[in-house]
């Protein structure tokens, strides 16, 4: 993989490539020059003792306390120490790397004022596969997660270095790096801004897109095994609704189901199908439209400077202005929207699952079991899906409305953007499991229908791919193991990958 050169800003797929695929990151000459130019302005502010928040004043409610020049380095170190209040289980390495990449992206815009060597150290850690251990809990916005990343730069905290958990000081020594001694403003730079929420949001939109693709494909399989009325979802009928997402989902379903003898034989079997089936384009399309809106916000966030204060002007005419760019209202609202949309996707998947296993409506053996009452088949898998749907409903409550008051009334409103991103990621993970259960049930349904009438070539290719990993279920092993295997199957490949490998394109 070619290195990613950070010039003006990263795109969200580039953040994902750095975080998840270990793509190498390099700063362009222009980005390095911008960082150095802003630092020169901070040096002038320090030399001339121009009052500037976090440079020669305290932070938060202590912003009116003047800090002497010989104490400014100590202030930077102390900010990391006192702000590193994270609790609980750590973020996974990919999540931490996404935060680090988004942090470098923000600094490269050239308005923070820290030294190039500090930014380069974060780049060096990313490229060396060294990830700070960052506790998941304890943040209302951005501070604690970033502080735990910053600790590692000064030789404190714990890291994961190529899979091994080490004290940061030992890891730096192994990498031939000395702990940094921070200068004025650098401690504040390392904890400020919306890089946590932005980095995690990049992962959320990437994982959501994969789950959405699988939800489309698996819903087509369920639609087919339930022998639904294809006229209800054909693109011509869908043109009456103005929704790019709906039209795209309808197009994909039409392609996936092209040539289905099962559906051809089912024409006229019912007047109309249940809403969870004939409404697939409408629900999945609405989710796709929401996803597109969220991507716009995430891209906008990556293009924005979100540190506080802002360093502008020149060494001859320095300007450091304190503002509220670190408030992550936009990305917090977007992640709440993402969570609600994906929770809806999971809810509809569970409803389709129920229709496949429910003997009152499926037209298939009860619970897709191969025998009589001694076999429960997929009965309890639906319970698991219901539990995940319920958990998603709880998680979908908007974090952006949680509010709160901190720092002695100085920070008297909070947007909880990072928690919003974290719970959106959890919802995506839950939906992946729900869709995995639906996939297992759909494959079992094909087998119980028999082979007298053929399914579509593309849905059959997906069926065969899953069967290469998970065998037909016959109450002969813990079903949870099959669900976990199917969820991993979904996480590691896309429907398009499988169809391409089978010699089929996604287009008809």
Protein backbone atom coordinates (compact mmCIF):
# COMPACT_ATOMS: atom_id res chain seq x y z
CA UNK A 1 0.00 0.00 0.00
CA UNK A 2 1.37 3.40 -0.97
CA UNK A 3 1.98 5.90 1.86
CA UNK A 4 -0.74 8.44 2.51
CA UNK A 5 0.69 11.94 2.14
CA UNK A 6 -1.11 14.38 4.40
CA UNK A 7 -1.07 17.75 2.69
CA UNK A 8 -4.13 19.85 3.46
CA UNK A 9 -6.41 17.26 5.07
CA UNK A 10 -7.24 13.56 5.21
CA UNK A 11 -10.43 12.06 3.80
CA UNK A 12 -12.41 9.66 5.94
CA UNK A 13 -11.34 6.62 3.87
CA UNK A 14 -7.72 7.65 4.42
CA UNK A 15 -8.26 7.80 8.18
CA UNK A 16 -9.75 4.30 7.98
CA UNK A 17 -6.80 3.06 5.89
CA UNK A 18 -4.34 4.37 8.49
CA UNK A 19 -6.36 3.03 11.41
CA UNK A 20 -7.51 -0.35 10.12
CA UNK A 21 -5.07 -1.22 7.35
CA UNK A 22 -1.89 0.24 8.88
CA UNK A 23 -1.27 2.51 5.90
CA UNK A 24 1.86 4.58 6.37
CA UNK A 25 1.30 8.31 7.02
CA UNK A 26 3.66 11.06 5.89
CA UNK A 27 3.43 14.83 6.25
CA UNK A 28 3.84 16.86 3.08
CA UNK A 29 6.38 19.67 2.94
CA UNK A 30 3.51 22.17 2.93
CA UNK A 31 1.91 20.64 6.03
CA UNK A 32 5.25 20.69 7.85
CA UNK A 33 5.73 24.33 6.91
CA UNK A 34 2.30 25.29 8.22
CA UNK A 35 2.96 23.55 11.54
CA UNK A 36 6.31 25.30 11.94
CA UNK A 37 4.87 28.69 11.00
CA UNK A 38 2.19 28.44 13.68
CA UNK A 39 4.78 27.39 16.26
CA UNK A 40 6.87 30.47 15.43
CA UNK A 41 3.85 32.61 16.31
CA UNK A 42 3.50 30.85 19.69
CA UNK A 43 7.20 31.45 20.39
CA UNK A 44 6.62 35.18 19.83
CA UNK A 45 3.62 35.13 22.18
CA UNK A 46 5.74 33.47 24.85
CA UNK A 47 8.66 35.87 24.32
CA UNK A 48 6.48 38.97 24.45
CA UNK A 49 4.21 37.63 27.22
CA UNK A 50 1.06 38.28 25.18
CA UNK A 51 -1.87 36.94 27.13
CA UNK A 52 -3.10 33.74 25.41
CA UNK A 53 -5.33 30.96 26.71
CA UNK A 54 -3.42 27.78 27.56
CA UNK A 55 -0.10 29.33 26.58
CA UNK A 56 0.50 31.55 29.60
CA UNK A 57 -2.83 31.09 31.40
CA UNK A 58 -4.48 28.18 33.10
CA UNK A 59 -7.21 26.23 31.33
CA UNK A 60 -10.95 25.86 31.83
CA UNK A 61 -12.16 27.78 34.84
CA UNK A 62 -8.50 28.70 35.54
CA UNK A 63 -8.23 30.67 32.30
CA UNK A 64 -7.72 33.96 34.13
CA UNK A 65 -4.75 32.66 36.10
CA UNK A 66 -1.45 33.88 34.62
CA UNK A 67 1.31 31.29 34.21
CA UNK A 68 4.94 32.47 34.43
CA UNK A 69 7.23 31.59 31.54
CA UNK A 70 9.28 29.11 33.57
CA UNK A 71 6.07 27.25 34.47
CA UNK A 72 4.59 26.92 30.98
CA UNK A 73 6.33 23.64 30.17
CA UNK A 74 5.21 22.29 33.54
CA UNK A 75 1.64 23.37 32.72
CA UNK A 76 1.74 21.38 29.48
CA UNK A 77 2.93 18.25 31.29
CA UNK A 78 0.46 18.71 34.12
CA UNK A 79 -2.44 19.06 31.67
CA UNK A 80 -1.72 15.58 30.35
CA UNK A 81 -1.40 14.14 33.85
CA UNK A 82 -4.56 15.71 35.24
CA UNK A 83 -6.66 15.17 32.11
CA UNK A 84 -5.79 11.47 31.75
CA UNK A 85 -8.82 10.30 33.74
CA UNK A 86 -9.99 7.51 31.43
CA UNK A 87 -11.60 4.47 33.00
CA UNK A 88 -12.65 0.98 32.04
CA UNK A 89 -11.67 -1.28 29.18
CA UNK A 90 -9.42 0.25 26.51
CA UNK A 91 -10.39 1.22 23.00
CA UNK A 92 -9.26 -1.30 20.43
CA UNK A 93 -6.09 -0.50 18.51
CA UNK A 94 -7.97 0.49 15.35
CA UNK A 95 -10.07 3.01 17.28
CA UNK A 96 -7.00 4.54 18.92
CA UNK A 97 -5.17 4.76 15.60
CA UNK A 98 -8.18 6.54 14.06
CA UNK A 99 -8.01 9.14 16.84
CA UNK A 100 -4.27 9.59 16.30
CA UNK A 101 -4.68 9.99 12.53
CA UNK A 102 -7.45 12.56 12.99
CA UNK A 103 -5.27 14.38 15.54
CA UNK A 104 -2.38 14.70 13.10
CA UNK A 105 -4.86 15.82 10.44
CA UNK A 106 -6.03 18.66 12.68
CA UNK A 107 -2.50 19.78 13.53
CA UNK A 108 -1.51 19.73 9.84
CA UNK A 109 -3.98 22.52 9.12
CA UNK A 110 -1.42 24.77 10.80
CA UNK A 111 -3.36 26.70 13.43
CA UNK A 112 -2.36 24.89 16.66
CA UNK A 113 1.14 26.17 17.36
CA UNK A 114 2.89 23.10 18.71
CA UNK A 115 6.30 22.01 17.43
CA UNK A 116 6.65 19.87 14.33
CA UNK A 117 8.60 17.33 16.39
CA UNK A 118 5.51 16.68 18.55
CA UNK A 119 3.30 16.08 15.52
CA UNK A 120 5.97 13.94 13.90
CA UNK A 121 6.20 11.80 17.04
CA UNK A 122 2.52 10.83 16.68
CA UNK A 123 3.18 10.00 13.02
CA UNK A 124 6.21 7.91 14.04
CA UNK A 125 4.15 5.94 16.56
CA UNK A 126 1.47 5.25 13.96
CA UNK A 127 4.02 4.05 11.43
CA UNK A 128 5.79 1.90 14.02
CA UNK A 129 2.56 0.13 15.01
CA UNK A 130 2.69 1.60 18.52
CA UNK A 131 -0.76 2.39 19.91
CA UNK A 132 -1.37 4.08 23.28
CA UNK A 133 -3.71 2.21 25.58
CA UNK A 134 -6.71 4.53 25.89
CA UNK A 135 -9.51 3.73 28.38
CA UNK A 136 -12.94 3.84 26.76
CA UNK A 137 -14.87 5.64 29.53
CA UNK A 138 -14.52 9.03 31.15
CA UNK A 139 -14.98 11.46 28.28
CA UNK A 140 -17.80 13.94 27.76
CA UNK A 141 -16.24 15.16 24.53
CA UNK A 142 -12.56 14.69 23.75
CA UNK A 143 -10.25 15.40 26.67
CA UNK A 144 -9.48 12.10 28.40
CA UNK A 145 -8.90 9.97 25.31
CA UNK A 146 -6.48 12.47 23.79
CA UNK A 147 -4.67 12.88 27.13
CA UNK A 148 -3.89 9.16 27.25
CA UNK A 149 -2.44 9.41 23.74
CA UNK A 150 -0.39 12.44 24.79
CA UNK A 151 0.99 10.65 27.85
CA UNK A 152 2.88 8.23 25.65
CA UNK A 153 4.78 11.09 23.99
CA UNK A 154 6.31 12.00 27.34
CA UNK A 155 7.05 8.36 28.28
CA UNK A 156 4.02 7.80 30.52
CA UNK A 157 1.13 5.37 30.24
CA UNK A 158 0.93 2.04 28.43
CA UNK A 159 1.05 1.06 24.77
CA UNK A 160 0.39 -1.88 22.50
CA UNK A 161 3.46 -2.33 20.30
CA UNK A 162 2.81 -4.83 17.53
CA UNK A 163 0.52 -6.84 19.78
CA UNK A 164 2.62 -6.61 22.96
CA UNK A 165 1.48 -4.55 25.96
CA UNK A 166 4.33 -2.43 27.32
CA UNK A 167 5.00 0.61 29.52
CA UNK A 168 5.34 3.60 27.20
CA UNK A 169 8.90 4.38 28.32
CA UNK A 170 10.07 0.87 27.41
CA UNK A 171 8.29 0.98 24.06
CA UNK A 172 9.90 4.32 23.19
CA UNK A 173 13.31 2.94 24.13
CA UNK A 174 12.74 -0.10 21.94
CA UNK A 175 11.84 2.22 19.05
CA UNK A 176 14.91 4.39 19.65
CA UNK A 177 12.83 7.39 20.69
CA UNK A 178 13.34 9.65 23.71
CA UNK A 179 10.38 10.99 25.71
CA UNK A 180 9.48 14.52 24.71
CA UNK A 181 9.61 17.53 27.01
CA UNK A 182 6.59 19.62 26.14
CA UNK A 183 6.70 23.37 25.66
CA UNK A 184 4.09 26.12 26.00
CA UNK A 185 0.61 25.30 24.70
CA UNK A 186 1.56 21.77 23.64
CA UNK A 187 -0.21 20.03 26.51
CA UNK A 188 -3.42 21.86 25.66
CA UNK A 189 -3.03 21.06 21.94
CA UNK A 190 -2.70 17.38 22.74
CA UNK A 191 -6.03 17.19 24.58
CA UNK A 192 -8.11 19.69 22.61
CA UNK A 193 -10.29 19.48 19.50
CA UNK A 194 -12.75 17.01 18.03
CA UNK A 195 -10.22 14.51 16.67
CA UNK A 196 -11.56 11.74 18.94
CA UNK A 197 -15.08 12.04 17.62
CA UNK A 198 -13.93 12.64 14.05
CA UNK A 199 -11.58 9.64 13.99
CA UNK A 200 -14.15 7.30 15.51
CA UNK A 201 -16.80 8.68 13.16
CA UNK A 202 -14.63 7.70 10.18
CA UNK A 203 -14.64 4.11 11.43
CA UNK A 204 -18.39 4.27 12.07
CA UNK A 205 -19.27 5.36 8.53
CA UNK A 206 -16.92 2.75 7.04
CA UNK A 207 -18.30 -0.12 9.11
CA UNK A 208 -21.85 1.09 8.62
CA UNK A 209 -21.42 1.06 4.81
CA UNK A 210 -20.29 -2.57 4.94
CA UNK A 211 -23.20 -3.60 7.15
CA UNK A 212 -25.63 -1.71 4.92
CA UNK A 213 -24.33 -3.56 1.85
CA UNK A 214 -24.80 -6.88 3.60
CA UNK A 215 -28.26 -5.91 4.85
CA UNK A 216 -29.28 -5.21 1.24
CA UNK A 217 -27.90 -8.54 0.04
CA UNK A 218 -29.31 -10.63 2.88
CA UNK A 219 -32.70 -8.95 2.65
CA UNK A 220 -32.78 -9.94 -1.03
CA UNK A 221 -32.17 -13.56 0.02
CA UNK A 222 -34.97 -13.39 2.58
CA UNK A 223 -37.28 -11.75 0.05
CA UNK A 224 -36.57 -14.61 -2.32
CA UNK A 225 -36.98 -17.44 0.18
CA UNK A 226 -40.28 -15.94 1.30
CA UNK A 227 -41.37 -15.92 -2.36
CA UNK A 228 -42.47 -12.32 -2.31
CA UNK A 229 -44.05 -10.21 -5.03
CA UNK A 230 -41.13 -8.72 -6.90
CA UNK A 231 -43.31 -6.10 -8.57
CA UNK A 232 -43.46 -4.23 -5.25
CA UNK A 233 -39.74 -3.40 -5.29
CA UNK A 234 -38.93 -3.05 -8.96
CA UNK A 235 -37.11 0.16 -9.92
CA UNK A 236 -39.95 1.41 -12.11
CA UNK A 237 -42.31 1.43 -9.12
CA UNK A 238 -39.66 3.01 -6.91
CA UNK A 239 -39.21 5.98 -9.26
CA UNK A 240 -42.33 7.53 -7.76
CA UNK A 241 -40.41 8.30 -4.56
CA UNK A 242 -37.73 10.98 -4.45
CA UNK A 243 -34.88 9.39 -2.51
CA UNK A 244 -31.42 8.60 -3.89
CA UNK A 245 -30.97 5.89 -1.27
CA UNK A 246 -34.28 4.20 -2.04
CA UNK A 247 -33.55 4.15 -5.77
CA UNK A 248 -30.08 2.73 -5.20
CA UNK A 249 -31.36 -0.03 -2.89
CA UNK A 250 -34.13 -0.89 -5.37
CA UNK A 251 -31.54 -1.10 -8.14
CA UNK A 252 -29.34 -3.40 -6.09
CA UNK A 253 -32.25 -5.68 -5.15
CA UNK A 254 -33.29 -5.87 -8.79
CA UNK A 255 -29.77 -6.92 -9.76
CA UNK A 256 -29.39 -9.44 -6.95
CA UNK A 257 -32.73 -11.07 -7.73
CA UNK A 258 -32.39 -11.00 -11.50
CA UNK A 259 -33.30 -14.37 -13.04
CA UNK A 260 -34.88 -15.80 -9.89
CA UNK A 261 -37.14 -18.72 -10.79
CA UNK A 262 -38.37 -18.74 -7.20
CA UNK A 263 -39.81 -15.26 -7.56
CA UNK A 264 -41.15 -15.94 -11.05
CA UNK A 265 -43.06 -18.92 -9.72
CA UNK A 266 -44.41 -16.82 -6.81
CA UNK A 267 -46.09 -14.14 -8.97
CA UNK A 268 -49.69 -13.73 -7.77
CA UNK A 269 -49.11 -15.91 -4.71
CA UNK A 270 -50.14 -12.98 -2.49
CA UNK A 271 -51.74 -9.61 -3.07
CA UNK A 272 -49.01 -7.96 -0.99
CA UNK A 273 -46.23 -8.97 1.37
CA UNK A 274 -45.48 -7.78 4.89
CA UNK A 275 -43.96 -4.33 5.28
CA UNK A 276 -40.62 -5.68 6.47
CA UNK A 277 -40.30 -7.27 3.01
CA UNK A 278 -41.95 -4.92 0.53
CA UNK A 279 -40.60 -1.94 2.48
CA UNK A 280 -36.93 -2.97 2.15
CA UNK A 281 -36.07 -0.19 -0.35
CA UNK A 282 -37.88 2.39 1.77
CA UNK A 283 -36.16 1.55 5.06
CA UNK A 284 -32.74 0.64 3.67
CA UNK A 285 -32.94 3.64 1.34
CA UNK A 286 -33.67 5.99 4.23
CA UNK A 287 -30.65 4.57 6.06
CA UNK A 288 -28.53 5.12 2.95
CA UNK A 289 -29.69 8.74 2.71
CA UNK A 290 -28.88 9.27 6.39
CA UNK A 291 -25.44 7.72 5.86
CA UNK A 292 -24.75 10.13 3.01
CA UNK A 293 -25.70 13.07 5.23
CA UNK A 294 -23.40 11.82 7.98
CA UNK A 295 -20.49 11.39 5.57
CA UNK A 296 -20.87 15.05 4.57
CA UNK A 297 -20.58 16.08 8.23
CA UNK A 298 -17.56 13.84 8.86
CA UNK A 299 -15.77 15.17 5.79
CA UNK A 300 -16.56 18.71 6.92
CA UNK A 301 -15.18 17.94 10.39
CA UNK A 302 -11.91 16.64 8.96
CA UNK A 303 -11.59 19.83 6.91
CA UNK A 304 -12.14 22.02 9.98
CA UNK A 305 -9.69 23.29 12.55
CA UNK A 306 -11.04 22.32 15.97
CA UNK A 307 -8.30 23.28 18.43
CA UNK A 308 -8.61 26.10 20.96
CA UNK A 309 -7.13 28.68 20.87
CA UNK A 310 -6.52 29.46 17.20
CA UNK A 311 -3.03 30.58 16.19
CA UNK A 312 -3.05 32.96 13.23
CA UNK A 313 -1.24 36.05 12.00
CA UNK A 314 2.56 36.10 11.88
CA UNK A 315 5.47 36.34 14.35
CA UNK A 316 5.46 40.08 13.71
CA UNK A 317 1.71 40.37 14.28
CA UNK A 318 0.65 37.29 16.29
CA UNK A 319 -3.00 36.53 16.93
CA UNK A 320 -4.17 33.85 19.34
CA UNK A 321 -7.92 33.83 19.80
CA UNK A 322 -9.91 31.65 22.15
CA UNK A 323 -13.13 30.34 20.63
CA UNK A 324 -15.31 27.22 20.73
CA UNK A 325 -14.10 25.28 17.69
CA UNK A 326 -13.55 22.24 19.92
CA UNK A 327 -17.31 21.91 20.47
CA UNK A 328 -18.31 18.80 18.53
CA UNK A 329 -22.02 19.48 18.12
CA UNK A 330 -22.06 18.67 14.40
CA UNK A 331 -20.32 15.33 14.60
CA UNK A 332 -22.21 14.40 17.78
CA UNK A 333 -25.57 14.99 16.11
CA UNK A 334 -24.38 13.09 13.03
CA UNK A 335 -23.31 10.09 15.08
CA UNK A 336 -26.65 10.11 16.89
CA UNK A 337 -28.36 10.12 13.50
CA UNK A 338 -26.14 7.25 12.36
CA UNK A 339 -26.99 5.24 15.45
CA UNK A 340 -30.73 5.69 15.04
CA UNK A 341 -30.58 4.81 11.33
CA UNK A 342 -28.55 1.65 11.89
CA UNK A 343 -30.79 0.61 14.79
CA UNK A 344 -33.72 0.82 12.38
CA UNK A 345 -31.84 -1.37 9.91
CA UNK A 346 -31.30 -4.00 12.60
CA UNK A 347 -34.92 -3.86 13.71
CA UNK A 348 -36.14 -4.63 10.19
CA UNK A 349 -33.62 -7.45 9.83
CA UNK A 350 -35.01 -9.09 12.97
CA UNK A 351 -38.57 -8.73 11.64
CA UNK A 352 -37.60 -10.53 8.43
CA UNK A 353 -35.84 -13.21 10.45
CA UNK A 354 -39.03 -13.81 12.41
CA UNK A 355 -41.02 -14.25 9.21
CA UNK A 356 -38.60 -16.94 8.01
CA UNK A 357 -38.70 -19.01 11.18
CA UNK A 358 -42.35 -18.46 12.18
CA UNK A 359 -44.45 -21.40 10.91
CA UNK A 360 -47.58 -19.21 10.97
CA UNK A 361 -46.32 -17.16 8.01
CA UNK A 362 -43.17 -18.73 6.56
CA UNK A 363 -44.56 -21.71 4.68
CA UNK A 364 -41.43 -23.54 5.90
CA UNK A 365 -40.83 -26.07 8.70
CA UNK A 366 -41.21 -24.48 12.14
CA UNK A 367 -38.08 -22.55 13.14
CA UNK A 368 -36.28 -23.97 10.09
CA UNK A 369 -35.60 -27.15 12.07
CA UNK A 370 -34.93 -30.43 10.32
CA UNK A 371 -37.04 -32.57 12.66
CA UNK A 372 -40.04 -32.50 14.95
CA UNK A 373 -40.23 -31.23 18.51
CA UNK A 374 -36.84 -32.60 19.44
CA UNK A 375 -35.24 -29.94 17.22
CA UNK A 376 -35.50 -26.21 18.05
CA UNK A 377 -33.64 -24.99 14.98
CA UNK A 378 -33.47 -21.20 14.79
CA UNK A 379 -36.09 -20.55 17.48
CA UNK A 380 -33.73 -19.03 20.03
CA UNK A 381 -31.54 -17.24 17.49
CA UNK A 382 -34.48 -14.89 17.05
CA UNK A 383 -34.43 -14.25 20.80
CA UNK A 384 -30.79 -13.18 20.44
CA UNK A 385 -31.72 -10.85 17.59
CA UNK A 386 -34.54 -9.34 19.66
CA UNK A 387 -32.09 -8.76 22.51
CA UNK A 388 -29.69 -6.95 20.17
CA UNK A 389 -32.52 -4.86 18.72
CA UNK A 390 -33.53 -3.87 22.26
CA UNK A 391 -29.94 -2.99 23.16
CA UNK A 392 -29.71 -0.85 20.04
CA UNK A 393 -32.90 0.95 21.02
CA UNK A 394 -31.30 1.89 24.32
CA UNK A 395 -28.02 2.88 22.66
CA UNK A 396 -29.85 5.02 20.09
CA UNK A 397 -30.93 7.52 22.74
CA UNK A 398 -29.17 10.74 21.63
CA UNK A 399 -25.90 11.43 23.44
CA UNK A 400 -25.94 14.97 22.10
CA UNK A 401 -28.77 15.81 24.49
CA UNK A 402 -27.02 14.52 27.62
CA UNK A 403 -25.65 17.96 28.50
CA UNK A 404 -23.81 18.54 31.74
CA UNK A 405 -21.78 21.30 33.44
CA UNK A 406 -18.03 21.07 34.01
CA UNK A 407 -15.03 23.18 34.98
CA UNK A 408 -16.74 25.47 37.47
CA UNK A 409 -19.42 26.68 35.02
CA UNK A 410 -16.81 27.63 32.41
CA UNK A 411 -17.84 24.68 30.24
CA UNK A 412 -21.55 24.80 30.95
CA UNK A 413 -22.82 22.85 27.94
CA UNK A 414 -21.53 19.59 26.52
CA UNK A 415 -22.25 17.80 23.24
CA UNK A 416 -20.85 14.32 24.03
CA UNK A 417 -19.63 13.80 20.46
CA UNK A 418 -17.09 11.09 21.32
CA UNK A 419 -19.60 9.02 23.34
CA UNK A 420 -22.04 9.42 20.43
CA UNK A 421 -19.43 7.97 18.06
CA UNK A 422 -18.58 5.12 20.43
CA UNK A 423 -22.19 4.05 20.81
CA UNK A 424 -22.74 4.33 17.04
CA UNK A 425 -19.87 1.85 16.63
CA UNK A 426 -21.53 -0.48 19.14
CA UNK A 427 -24.82 -0.27 17.26
CA UNK A 428 -23.05 -1.11 13.99
CA UNK A 429 -21.48 -4.15 15.66
CA UNK A 430 -24.86 -5.30 16.96
CA UNK A 431 -26.52 -4.86 13.56
CA UNK A 432 -23.76 -6.93 11.98
CA UNK A 433 -24.69 -9.78 14.32
CA UNK A 434 -28.41 -9.41 13.60
CA UNK A 435 -27.82 -9.48 9.85
CA UNK A 436 -25.54 -12.51 10.35
CA UNK A 437 -28.44 -14.37 12.00
CA UNK A 438 -30.75 -13.41 9.14
CA UNK A 439 -28.12 -14.67 6.67
CA UNK A 440 -27.93 -18.04 8.42
CA UNK A 441 -31.71 -18.35 8.40
CA UNK A 442 -31.96 -17.38 4.74
CA UNK A 443 -29.42 -20.04 3.75
CA UNK A 444 -31.29 -22.64 5.79
CA UNK A 445 -34.51 -21.55 4.11
CA UNK A 446 -33.10 -22.17 0.63
CA UNK A 447 -32.33 -25.74 1.62
CA UNK A 448 -35.76 -26.36 3.09
CA UNK A 449 -37.39 -25.04 -0.07
CA UNK A 450 -35.64 -27.75 -2.06
CA UNK A 451 -34.01 -27.40 -5.47
CA UNK A 452 -36.97 -27.84 -7.79
CA UNK A 453 -37.05 -24.10 -8.54
CA UNK A 454 -33.77 -22.19 -8.79
CA UNK A 455 -32.90 -18.99 -6.92
CA UNK A 456 -31.18 -16.05 -8.61
CA UNK A 457 -27.55 -16.62 -9.57
CA UNK A 458 -26.27 -13.85 -7.30
CA UNK A 459 -28.19 -14.82 -4.17
CA UNK A 460 -27.17 -18.44 -4.76
CA UNK A 461 -23.52 -17.35 -4.96
CA UNK A 462 -23.86 -15.66 -1.57
CA UNK A 463 -25.51 -18.80 -0.20
CA UNK A 464 -22.63 -20.99 -1.42
CA UNK A 465 -20.05 -18.62 0.02
CA UNK A 466 -21.61 -18.78 3.47
CA UNK A 467 -21.90 -22.55 3.24
CA UNK A 468 -18.16 -22.67 2.63
CA UNK A 469 -17.78 -21.38 6.18
CA UNK A 470 -20.87 -22.55 8.09
CA UNK A 471 -22.64 -25.86 7.43
CA UNK A 472 -26.39 -26.48 7.53
CA UNK A 473 -27.68 -26.36 11.09
CA UNK A 474 -29.19 -29.49 12.61
CA UNK A 475 -29.13 -28.84 16.38
CA UNK A 476 -25.77 -30.63 16.41
CA UNK A 477 -23.61 -27.80 17.80
CA UNK A 478 -24.05 -24.55 19.74
CA UNK A 479 -25.85 -22.17 17.39
CA UNK A 480 -24.01 -19.19 18.89
CA UNK A 481 -20.81 -20.48 17.29
CA UNK A 482 -22.47 -20.33 13.86
CA UNK A 483 -23.68 -16.79 14.52
CA UNK A 484 -20.17 -15.68 15.49
CA UNK A 485 -18.73 -17.32 12.37
CA UNK A 486 -21.34 -15.67 10.14
CA UNK A 487 -20.64 -12.28 11.74
CA UNK A 488 -16.92 -12.71 11.05
CA UNK A 489 -17.76 -13.78 7.49
CA UNK A 490 -19.66 -10.51 6.99
CA UNK A 491 -16.88 -8.44 8.58
CA UNK A 492 -14.15 -9.85 6.35
CA UNK A 493 -15.68 -9.54 2.88
CA UNK A 494 -18.36 -7.66 0.99
CA UNK A 495 -21.15 -9.08 -1.20
CA UNK A 496 -19.37 -7.49 -4.15
CA UNK A 497 -16.16 -9.38 -3.32
CA UNK A 498 -18.03 -12.69 -3.30
CA UNK A 499 -19.91 -12.03 -6.51
CA UNK A 500 -16.76 -10.91 -8.30
CA UNK A 501 -14.91 -14.03 -7.13
CA UNK A 502 -17.84 -16.12 -8.42
CA UNK A 503 -17.55 -14.55 -11.86
CA UNK A 504 -20.66 -12.42 -11.31
CA UNK A 505 -20.74 -8.65 -11.26
CA UNK A 506 -23.05 -6.72 -8.97
CA UNK A 507 -24.80 -5.38 -12.06
CA UNK A 508 -27.25 -7.41 -14.11
